[in-house]
Structure formats: structure tokens, C-alpha cells
Amino acid sequence: MACAHRSTSGRTSAARACPRRDGDGTLYALEDNLRIPSGVSYMIENRMVAKRVFPELFETSSILPVDDYPAQLYDTLAALSPRPGEAPTIALLTPGVFNSAYFEHAYLAQAMGIELVEGGDLFVADDDCTYMRTVYGPQRVDVIYRRVDDLFIDPEVFRPDSVLGVPGLIRSWRAGKVALTNAPGAGVADDKVVFAYVPKMIRYYLDEEPILPNVPSYLCHEATDRRYVLENLDKLVVKPANESGGYGMLIGPRATKREREKFRALIQADPRNYMAQPTLALSTAPIVTWEGPAARHIDLRPFVLSREDTHVTTGGLTRVAMTEGSLVVNSSQGGGAKDTWVVDLEEES
């Protein structure tokens, strides 16, 4: 498990993804996830397992809870209802059982007591309202927590071949008849090139200095940065702007010459689609292997509900690379997860 100490000193669901501790002890922000931040169910499940395995530690330590996240998320969603004053009907829109995150979709829907629906369960009527098909007839839906990518949510506006979304959903949203969260377009913050400008955004809009520094980033659409990246492919991690899950990236120090030359051509063909970062000496945590305890690289994904009283989880998803020496912690690439503790030091004393 990972442990942290709590300092005493338009609503959306987000993950300030993957603060990573470098070899010098500095915590860096690696990227952001606003489009469809995932992993919170694993955070909650990890805590449930840890409580069963180490009950005495939770009795003697002031470990702050994470299991209130579904209730906090429900309140955030309910506040978006276009019909204030009425008990809202909220639905979680999932791509279906074949999606890799379906467990999380089902888990959160059940934990919040809301409907779990697929695109075919919903329709938009002539009054621009969104309805859910039920055995009792159509029921109006007020809020949709979508776990479907932008391009697939409405075949009338985006991909016409999509069977995952709801025809007319964007029309209903624009008419103010249904709330969508996260809002279409929020994924611009997921763009790893845009991420490089976040410190400047903080200084400009908030007149503050960033608390967590970004990992130094090189933007391939800028000639000077591109020249540096192409000359140092063997030292850098190169990432496409909009991929996720650890796909489509190059870890230069561990890549073959052929792989580096492939990325050289990709960068030159489409510089805006690539950025690069130095290879960090990530901190490690122990895991149990068949040979005994061993160190593996980790990062942290905290979860944030952005609203009038912004809620940050007192914990998070610590992702761990299960392969010795690997820097790839994504679950889609075989990574694991650890429970993360935030300890209230005031109560401890």
C-alpha cells in the first residue's frame, strides 16, 4: 500500500492523473484526465480488501475514508439536474459489457442507486427531452454520467456509424433538457500537448503558482523542441497527444533502433500529435512476488469532483508496474494497484 499524510494547513468528475515522485523526491504532475476518468472503483475495492486483511491497523490509525466517493459523486450529479426541486433521474451511460471498464460502470451505478443504461435504452423525443425505456413506459432522464467517448455519444452529430450513443442527445443537451457530465469537449484537458500549458493557465487565470510542477515537456510542433526530441529519442518518453492506457508511446531508453526510427517518421509527419518528456527515475514500493518482496515503480491517481465545494478524495489509486524495471503502470498494460492511505496527523497526536 502507499501512504500519504494530509496537510492541515461547471461541476465535473476529474482525475489529476498520476502525480509521480522522481528520484530526488519531487512530486510531478504527469497528465490530467477529464473526459472519462476511470479507476475510482478499484480505489474503493482496494480499501475494502485492506480493511479485511489489516483490520487492526484501521483500528489504531486515523486513516481517512474513501468509501464516501459514490455519495459525493451522486450529489455532484444531482446538482446538475435541469429540473431543480424534483428528485432527479440519473443514469450512467456505458458502452456495454465488452468495455474494459464495465465493472466500474456497474459498480458506481449500483453504489449510487442510479440507472445503468446503454445507448439503446435511451431516446430523445420531439420535445428534445431524453427518455429511458422502462417496463412502465418512457421515463425522463435528467442527468447522464457518460462513460462513452465524445465521438460515439450521438450519431446525429459525431460518428454516424456509432451504436453506443443516443441519436439527438447533443440536441437535448443544447436545449437544456438533460445534463451531461463530463460535458462534451472536456477531453481537451486530456490532450497531452495542452497539459504542457497548464502551469501558464494557472498563473494567468488564478494568479497563483502551481503547487505541483509538471514533468518537463517538449512539444514537437515547436521547431526547437522537435529538434531536441529527434536528437534525443534514446533518452525520452514520446507520447501521442490523445492516446490513453499506455498505448502508442515510445520509451526511448528501452526501445530498439527500429522503433525509434518509426517514431522519428511519425513525429515528422504529424508534429502536433506528439510530445516528449524525460524518463523519470520513479519512486518504488514493495510488492509480494513468488521470490519474496520486490520493488516496483508506482504513480498516484487522485480523484476530484469539481463543484462549488470541490471534493478531493482522501486517498487515490496508486498504480504499480508488475514487471521488474517497467515504467508502465496502466492496468491495460498489466499494471496493478495498491491501497493509498491519507493519515490525519492531528487526530493521531
Foldseek 3Di string as FASTA:
>chain_A
DAEDADDPVLKAKWWQPWQFQFPVRATAREAIGGQADDDLVVLQVQVVVCCVVCVVCVVQFQWDDQVCVLVVVLVSQQVLFLDPPDRAAEEEEDLDDPDPRVVVLVVSCVSNVHHYDWAVQWEQDPVLFIWGQDPVGTDTHGEYEYPDGPQQAALVPHPVPHPGHYHSNVVSVVVSNHHYHPDPPRCVRRFSVVVQCVQVVCCVVVVDGDPHHHQDKQQQVDPVSVVVCLVPQLFKKKDFGDDDLPPPIDRNVPDDPVVSVVVNVVCVVPRRGMMIGGDGNTAWDWDQDPVGIDTWGKTWIWMWTDDPPIDTRQWTWIFTQPDPPDPRRGVSVVIDTHHYTHGHVVVSD
